[in-house]
Amino acid sequence: ILMSDRGPVIIDWFDAAAGAVEADIVRTSVLIRPSGSPASAPEHLPGADYETMRIVHAAYLEAMFDSPATERIEAERWEPVIAASRLAEGAQTGESELLAIWHGRATGRERAEP
């Protein structure tokens, strides 16, 4: 669902497929995660502000992960894959955050929560 000037619009992806639920959760998380600094609006979400996206992102993660850490740890393994996918798509202008996720996988470094 995307928000437009006319209200919510449902998008039916042409390339939908069956796959790991965690990958879908992480893809959405990466898409709505606030990027940059609190003083800047997310480049890939025109009209959104950092604080609103921070609240939406936190609520999304809370809703997706009913149980404690194990589900989150499994899902976080998908982050580098999703980041690389978004970079390959060229669909997100905030490349530095995606590159940080990708590079973090090599060191085993946990990503910082916004």
Protein backbone atom coordinates (compact mmCIF):
# COMPACT_ATOMS: atom_id res chain seq x y z
CA ILE A 1 0.00 0.00 0.00
CA LEU A 2 1.39 3.38 -1.03
CA MET A 3 0.09 6.72 0.08
CA SER A 4 -0.74 9.10 -2.75
CA ASP A 5 -2.42 12.48 -3.08
CA ARG A 6 -5.66 10.55 -3.60
CA GLY A 7 -5.14 8.39 -0.50
CA PRO A 8 -3.93 4.79 -0.10
CA VAL A 9 -3.22 2.88 -3.32
CA ILE A 10 -2.75 -0.89 -3.39
CA ILE A 11 0.12 -2.07 -5.56
CA ASP A 12 -0.03 -5.57 -7.04
CA TRP A 13 3.61 -6.46 -7.74
CA PHE A 14 4.10 -8.11 -11.13
CA ASP A 15 7.00 -10.16 -9.82
CA ALA A 16 5.35 -11.55 -6.68
CA ALA A 17 6.57 -14.97 -5.60
CA ALA A 18 6.52 -17.31 -2.64
CA GLY A 19 9.49 -16.95 -0.35
CA ALA A 20 10.73 -16.49 3.19
CA VAL A 21 8.42 -14.38 5.32
CA GLU A 22 11.48 -12.84 7.02
CA ALA A 23 12.71 -11.52 3.68
CA ASP A 24 9.42 -9.71 3.11
CA ILE A 25 9.47 -8.25 6.61
CA VAL A 26 13.04 -7.03 6.19
CA ARG A 27 12.36 -5.59 2.72
CA THR A 28 9.55 -3.48 4.10
CA SER A 29 11.69 -2.53 7.10
CA VAL A 30 14.48 -1.33 4.80
CA LEU A 31 11.98 0.63 2.70
CA ILE A 32 10.43 2.48 5.64
CA ARG A 33 13.50 2.79 7.89
CA PRO A 34 14.34 6.45 8.38
CA SER A 35 17.58 7.40 6.71
CA GLY A 36 19.97 10.28 7.00
CA SER A 37 19.69 12.48 10.04
CA PRO A 38 16.69 13.78 11.95
CA ALA A 39 17.17 17.10 10.17
CA SER A 40 16.71 15.55 6.71
CA ALA A 41 13.66 14.00 5.09
CA PRO A 42 14.05 10.46 3.69
CA GLU A 43 15.02 10.89 0.03
CA HIS A 44 13.05 7.87 -1.17
CA LEU A 45 9.85 8.91 0.64
CA PRO A 46 8.97 12.43 -0.50
CA GLY A 47 6.91 14.31 2.06
CA ALA A 48 7.89 12.02 4.94
CA ASP A 49 9.83 13.28 7.90
CA TYR A 50 12.46 11.45 9.93
CA GLU A 51 10.57 11.38 13.24
CA THR A 52 7.35 10.07 11.68
CA MET A 53 9.27 7.36 9.82
CA ARG A 54 11.12 6.43 13.02
CA ILE A 55 7.79 5.93 14.81
CA VAL A 56 6.24 4.03 11.88
CA HIS A 57 9.33 1.81 11.54
CA ALA A 58 9.40 0.96 15.25
CA ALA A 59 5.66 0.16 15.25
CA TYR A 60 6.06 -2.00 12.15
CA LEU A 61 8.88 -4.04 13.72
CA GLU A 62 6.93 -4.44 16.96
CA ALA A 63 3.88 -5.68 15.04
CA MET A 64 5.91 -8.10 12.91
CA PHE A 65 7.87 -9.70 15.73
CA ASP A 66 5.53 -11.00 18.41
CA SER A 67 8.16 -13.13 20.10
CA PRO A 68 11.53 -12.07 21.41
CA ALA A 69 14.93 -11.93 19.78
CA THR A 70 15.01 -15.22 17.84
CA GLU A 71 12.68 -14.01 15.07
CA ARG A 72 14.54 -10.71 14.80
CA ILE A 73 17.92 -12.42 14.59
CA GLU A 74 16.69 -14.68 11.79
CA ALA A 75 15.19 -11.72 9.96
CA GLU A 76 18.31 -9.58 10.34
CA ARG A 77 20.25 -12.21 8.37
CA TRP A 78 18.22 -11.06 5.37
CA GLU A 79 19.27 -7.41 5.68
CA PRO A 80 22.46 -7.60 3.55
CA VAL A 81 20.59 -9.54 0.85
CA ILE A 82 17.76 -7.02 0.77
CA ALA A 83 20.21 -4.09 0.82
CA ALA A 84 22.11 -5.56 -2.15
CA SER A 85 18.82 -6.12 -3.95
CA ARG A 86 17.73 -2.51 -3.41
CA LEU A 87 21.13 -1.28 -4.62
CA ALA A 88 20.86 -3.43 -7.76
CA GLU A 89 17.35 -2.09 -8.42
CA GLY A 90 18.61 1.48 -8.18
CA ALA A 91 15.29 2.21 -6.53
CA GLN A 92 16.50 3.98 -3.43
CA THR A 93 18.57 7.13 -3.47
CA GLY A 94 19.90 6.72 0.10
CA GLU A 95 22.69 4.39 -0.99
CA SER A 96 24.94 5.04 1.99
CA GLU A 97 22.55 3.33 4.43
CA LEU A 98 22.17 0.33 2.13
CA LEU A 99 25.95 0.08 1.72
CA ALA A 100 26.37 0.26 5.50
CA ILE A 101 23.98 -2.69 5.89
CA TRP A 102 25.87 -4.64 3.21
CA HIS A 103 29.31 -3.91 4.67
CA GLY A 104 28.10 -4.71 8.19
CA ARG A 105 27.50 -8.32 7.22
CA ALA A 106 31.20 -8.96 6.66
CA THR A 107 32.17 -7.86 10.16
CA GLY A 108 29.20 -9.38 11.94
CA ARG A 109 28.55 -5.90 13.31
CA GLU A 110 24.98 -5.36 14.46
CA ARG A 111 23.19 -2.55 12.71
CA ALA A 112 22.27 0.47 14.73
CA GLU A 113 18.61 1.11 15.35
CA PRO A 114 17.50 4.59 14.31
